[in-house]
């Protein structure tokens, strides 16, 4: 099972994530913020308040929004491939 070890806000809708499999990198979530729970995160001020839930070990925000580590890893891999 994949977990997030740390998450850091970079800018806009981009986070720097460290996964427990030893990989890390930027993930841009701008196009992923769909649905009512993610609507508040379109405010960059709110988006920047990302943290890692110590129990679930995934990214969470104060409004209760969260994203699964597996989804984030898949997105990270796709974005990294499209950059090359």
C-alpha atoms as a PDB file:
ATOM      1  CA  UNK A   1       0.000   0.000   0.000  1.00  0.00           C
ATOM      2  CA  UNK A   2       1.361   3.396  -1.059  1.00  0.00           C
ATOM      3  CA  UNK A   3       1.605   6.339   1.356  1.00  0.00           C
ATOM      4  CA  UNK A   4       2.615   9.991   1.263  1.00  0.00           C
ATOM      5  CA  UNK A   5       5.508  10.841   3.577  1.00  0.00           C
ATOM      6  CA  UNK A   6       5.458  14.601   3.011  1.00  0.00           C
ATOM      7  CA  UNK A   7       3.660  17.243   0.970  1.00  0.00           C
ATOM      8  CA  UNK A   8       4.802  20.799   0.376  1.00  0.00           C
ATOM      9  CA  UNK A   9       2.952  23.577  -1.399  1.00  0.00           C
ATOM     10  CA  UNK A  10       5.042  25.033  -4.246  1.00  0.00           C
ATOM     11  CA  UNK A  11       2.815  27.508  -6.114  1.00  0.00           C
ATOM     12  CA  UNK A  12      -0.489  27.705  -7.965  1.00  0.00           C
ATOM     13  CA  UNK A  13      -1.935  24.196  -7.743  1.00  0.00           C
ATOM     14  CA  UNK A  14       1.394  22.389  -7.570  1.00  0.00           C
ATOM     15  CA  UNK A  15       2.635  20.270  -4.683  1.00  0.00           C
ATOM     16  CA  UNK A  16       5.946  18.548  -4.026  1.00  0.00           C
ATOM     17  CA  UNK A  17       5.176  15.024  -2.793  1.00  0.00           C
ATOM     18  CA  UNK A  18       7.391  12.374  -1.252  1.00  0.00           C
ATOM     19  CA  UNK A  19       6.053   8.826  -1.515  1.00  0.00           C
ATOM     20  CA  UNK A  20       7.068   5.976   0.785  1.00  0.00           C
ATOM     21  CA  UNK A  21       8.439   4.024  -2.195  1.00  0.00           C
ATOM     22  CA  UNK A  22      11.310   6.528  -2.374  1.00  0.00           C
ATOM     23  CA  UNK A  23      10.002   8.604  -5.281  1.00  0.00           C
ATOM     24  CA  UNK A  24       9.231  12.296  -5.110  1.00  0.00           C
ATOM     25  CA  UNK A  25       8.336  15.165  -7.369  1.00  0.00           C
ATOM     26  CA  UNK A  26       5.892  17.828  -8.418  1.00  0.00           C
ATOM     27  CA  UNK A  27       2.221  17.151  -9.037  1.00  0.00           C
ATOM     28  CA  UNK A  28      -0.049  19.776 -10.577  1.00  0.00           C
ATOM     29  CA  UNK A  29      -3.646  19.334  -9.384  1.00  0.00           C
ATOM     30  CA  UNK A  30      -5.229  22.258 -11.233  1.00  0.00           C
ATOM     31  CA  UNK A  31      -7.257  20.024 -13.576  1.00  0.00           C
ATOM     32  CA  UNK A  32      -8.160  17.558 -10.808  1.00  0.00           C
ATOM     33  CA  UNK A  33     -10.127  19.900  -8.522  1.00  0.00           C
ATOM     34  CA  UNK A  34     -13.612  18.788  -9.544  1.00  0.00           C
ATOM     35  CA  UNK A  35     -16.625  18.247  -7.317  1.00  0.00           C
ATOM     36  CA  UNK A  36     -18.059  20.121  -4.368  1.00  0.00           C
ATOM     37  CA  UNK A  37     -15.436  19.027  -1.815  1.00  0.00           C
ATOM     38  CA  UNK A  38     -12.635  20.360  -4.057  1.00  0.00           C
ATOM     39  CA  UNK A  39     -14.387  23.644  -4.973  1.00  0.00           C
ATOM     40  CA  UNK A  40     -12.879  25.538  -1.977  1.00  0.00           C
ATOM     41  CA  UNK A  41      -9.392  24.432  -3.095  1.00  0.00           C
ATOM     42  CA  UNK A  42      -9.697  26.504  -6.261  1.00  0.00           C
ATOM     43  CA  UNK A  43      -8.813  29.361  -3.912  1.00  0.00           C
ATOM     44  CA  UNK A  44      -5.004  29.095  -3.919  1.00  0.00           C
ATOM     45  CA  UNK A  45      -4.946  30.377  -0.338  1.00  0.00           C
ATOM     46  CA  UNK A  46      -6.958  27.317   0.773  1.00  0.00           C
ATOM     47  CA  UNK A  47      -5.077  24.964  -1.565  1.00  0.00           C
ATOM     48  CA  UNK A  48      -1.770  26.029  -0.015  1.00  0.00           C
ATOM     49  CA  UNK A  49      -2.910  24.695   3.396  1.00  0.00           C
ATOM     50  CA  UNK A  50      -2.209  21.116   2.342  1.00  0.00           C
ATOM     51  CA  UNK A  51      -0.876  18.677   4.931  1.00  0.00           C
ATOM     52  CA  UNK A  52      -0.308  14.952   5.359  1.00  0.00           C
ATOM     53  CA  UNK A  53      -2.784  13.078   7.529  1.00  0.00           C
ATOM     54  CA  UNK A  54      -0.594  11.160  10.013  1.00  0.00           C
ATOM     55  CA  UNK A  55      -3.015   8.231  10.176  1.00  0.00           C
ATOM     56  CA  UNK A  56      -4.069   7.901   6.522  1.00  0.00           C
ATOM     57  CA  UNK A  57      -0.713   9.107   5.145  1.00  0.00           C
ATOM     58  CA  UNK A  58      -2.241  11.003   2.258  1.00  0.00           C
ATOM     59  CA  UNK A  59      -2.703  14.685   1.437  1.00  0.00           C
ATOM     60  CA  UNK A  60      -5.563  16.478   3.144  1.00  0.00           C
ATOM     61  CA  UNK A  61      -6.902  20.010   3.422  1.00  0.00           C
ATOM     62  CA  UNK A  62      -8.693  21.779   6.286  1.00  0.00           C
ATOM     63  CA  UNK A  63     -12.076  21.471   4.527  1.00  0.00           C
ATOM     64  CA  UNK A  64     -11.856  17.645   4.623  1.00  0.00           C
ATOM     65  CA  UNK A  65     -10.797  17.132   0.998  1.00  0.00           C
ATOM     66  CA  UNK A  66      -8.224  14.410   0.426  1.00  0.00           C
ATOM     67  CA  UNK A  67      -6.667  12.487  -2.444  1.00  0.00           C
ATOM     68  CA  UNK A  68      -5.548   8.860  -2.477  1.00  0.00           C
ATOM     69  CA  UNK A  69      -1.797   8.235  -2.697  1.00  0.00           C
ATOM     70  CA  UNK A  70      -2.325   5.858  -5.628  1.00  0.00           C
ATOM     71  CA  UNK A  71      -4.146   8.571  -7.598  1.00  0.00           C
ATOM     72  CA  UNK A  72      -1.387  11.071  -6.827  1.00  0.00           C
ATOM     73  CA  UNK A  73       1.348   8.623  -7.854  1.00  0.00           C
ATOM     74  CA  UNK A  74      -0.407   7.846 -11.154  1.00  0.00           C
ATOM     75  CA  UNK A  75      -0.836  11.566 -11.837  1.00  0.00           C
ATOM     76  CA  UNK A  76       2.817  12.200 -10.950  1.00  0.00           C
ATOM     77  CA  UNK A  77       3.926   9.505 -13.409  1.00  0.00           C
ATOM     78  CA  UNK A  78       1.679  10.859 -16.205  1.00  0.00           C
ATOM     79  CA  UNK A  79       2.843  14.437 -15.701  1.00  0.00           C
ATOM     80  CA  UNK A  80       6.486  13.406 -15.582  1.00  0.00           C
ATOM     81  CA  UNK A  81       6.107  11.479 -18.866  1.00  0.00           C
ATOM     82  CA  UNK A  82       4.414  14.412 -20.577  1.00  0.00           C
ATOM     83  CA  UNK A  83       7.304  16.697 -19.522  1.00  0.00           C
ATOM     84  CA  UNK A  84       9.842  14.588 -21.422  1.00  0.00           C
END
